[in-house]
Amino acid sequence: SMANRSCSIAPVHDASNLPIHPLGLQFVQELVKPPSEVSDYRSQVTGITAADLEGVTVDRQAVATRIQQLLTPDTVLVGHSLHYDLQALKLDHQPIIDTAMLFSYE
């Protein structure tokens, strides 16, 4: 269920396959290979397990490059706790809508 998954920015390999919302919004989801061993997946919050990352080969740099290709100065980036994603990707972008400011996890 989406209620227990984190909303994170990430790229896809082929932009022609992006799901497009009727209002023109693009939804992007991609798992990224961790650079080192993960000690706690926080599966109860993220919905991601070690098994989900088996075979994942996309690295941080590939994700950052793809996200940069999708962003323009007018792009509104929407996600949950986006500062973590942007920090991990070493990206800076405005404007954003961070759903962590609207909804809390309890």
Protein backbone atom coordinates (compact mmCIF):
# COMPACT_ATOMS: atom_id res chain seq x y z
CA SER A 1 0.00 0.00 0.00
CA MET A 2 1.23 3.50 -0.78
CA ALA A 3 0.39 4.63 2.75
CA ASN A 4 3.45 2.86 4.12
CA ARG A 5 5.90 3.70 1.32
CA SER A 6 8.12 6.71 1.26
CA CYS A 7 7.72 9.09 -1.64
CA SER A 8 11.14 9.63 -3.13
CA ILE A 9 12.46 11.24 -6.24
CA ALA A 10 14.36 9.06 -8.65
CA PRO A 11 14.84 8.62 -12.40
CA VAL A 12 13.70 6.06 -14.89
CA HIS A 13 15.76 4.63 -17.73
CA ASP A 14 13.39 5.63 -20.54
CA ALA A 15 11.42 8.86 -20.17
CA SER A 16 8.96 7.77 -22.86
CA ASN A 17 7.57 5.25 -20.36
CA LEU A 18 6.96 7.76 -17.57
CA PRO A 19 3.43 7.60 -16.22
CA ILE A 20 1.86 10.95 -17.07
CA HIS A 21 -0.91 12.35 -14.89
CA PRO A 22 -3.84 13.93 -16.77
CA LEU A 23 -2.68 17.34 -15.54
CA GLY A 24 0.79 16.80 -17.03
CA LEU A 25 2.52 15.67 -13.85
CA GLN A 26 5.33 13.12 -14.16
CA PHE A 27 5.74 10.37 -11.58
CA VAL A 28 9.22 8.86 -11.31
CA GLN A 29 10.24 5.90 -9.19
CA GLU A 30 13.52 3.98 -9.25
CA LEU A 31 15.38 1.95 -6.66
CA VAL A 32 19.04 2.89 -6.26
CA LYS A 33 21.88 0.53 -5.41
CA PRO A 34 23.22 1.55 -1.98
CA PRO A 35 26.93 2.48 -2.05
CA SER A 36 27.54 0.31 1.02
CA GLU A 37 25.80 -2.28 3.17
CA VAL A 38 22.45 -1.16 4.60
CA SER A 39 22.13 -1.83 8.34
CA ASP A 40 18.46 -0.82 8.69
CA TYR A 41 16.05 -0.61 5.77
CA ARG A 42 13.35 0.93 7.97
CA SER A 43 10.97 -1.32 6.05
CA GLN A 44 8.05 -0.38 8.30
CA VAL A 45 8.40 3.20 7.01
CA THR A 46 9.89 2.80 3.51
CA GLY A 47 8.26 -0.46 2.47
CA ILE A 48 11.66 -1.47 1.02
CA THR A 49 13.43 -4.69 1.97
CA ALA A 50 16.81 -6.21 1.12
CA ALA A 51 15.06 -8.46 -1.40
CA ASP A 52 13.71 -5.39 -3.23
CA LEU A 53 17.28 -4.21 -3.90
CA GLU A 54 18.60 -7.54 -5.20
CA GLY A 55 19.74 -7.02 -8.77
CA VAL A 56 19.44 -3.23 -8.64
CA THR A 57 22.36 -1.68 -10.55
CA VAL A 58 21.37 2.00 -10.84
CA ASP A 59 23.78 4.13 -8.80
CA ARG A 60 23.46 7.56 -7.19
CA GLN A 61 25.23 9.40 -9.99
CA ALA A 62 22.95 7.92 -12.66
CA VAL A 63 19.92 8.97 -10.63
CA ALA A 64 21.26 12.49 -10.05
CA THR A 65 22.00 12.92 -13.75
CA ARG A 66 18.54 11.74 -14.77
CA ILE A 67 16.80 13.96 -12.23
CA GLN A 68 18.82 16.97 -13.40
CA GLN A 69 17.64 16.24 -16.96
CA LEU A 70 14.00 16.32 -15.82
CA LEU A 71 14.24 19.51 -13.74
CA THR A 72 13.82 23.02 -15.07
CA PRO A 73 13.65 26.24 -13.03
CA ASP A 74 9.84 26.01 -13.28
CA THR A 75 9.61 22.36 -12.17
CA VAL A 76 7.84 21.90 -8.85
CA LEU A 77 9.39 18.88 -7.15
CA VAL A 78 6.95 17.01 -4.89
CA GLY A 79 7.87 14.29 -2.41
CA HIS A 80 8.12 13.28 1.22
CA SER A 81 11.12 14.53 3.20
CA LEU A 82 12.73 15.70 -0.03
CA HIS A 83 15.72 17.22 1.75
CA TYR A 84 17.01 13.67 2.40
CA ASP A 85 16.68 12.71 -1.26
CA LEU A 86 18.22 15.94 -2.51
CA GLN A 87 21.06 15.64 -0.01
CA ALA A 88 21.75 12.02 -1.02
CA LEU A 89 21.69 12.98 -4.70
CA LYS A 90 23.82 16.07 -4.05
CA LEU A 91 21.19 18.21 -5.78
CA ASP A 92 19.67 21.56 -4.92
CA HIS A 93 16.31 22.55 -6.36
CA GLN A 94 13.52 25.02 -5.74
CA PRO A 95 10.53 25.13 -5.76
CA ILE A 96 9.51 22.04 -3.82
CA ILE A 97 6.42 20.78 -2.04
CA ASP A 98 7.46 18.53 0.82
CA THR A 99 4.59 16.36 2.03
CA ALA A 100 6.46 15.82 5.31
CA MET A 101 5.31 19.34 6.15
CA LEU A 102 1.71 18.29 5.49
CA PHE A 103 1.60 14.75 6.88
CA SER A 104 3.53 13.20 9.75
CA TYR A 105 4.50 9.58 10.24
CA GLU A 106 3.42 8.16 13.59
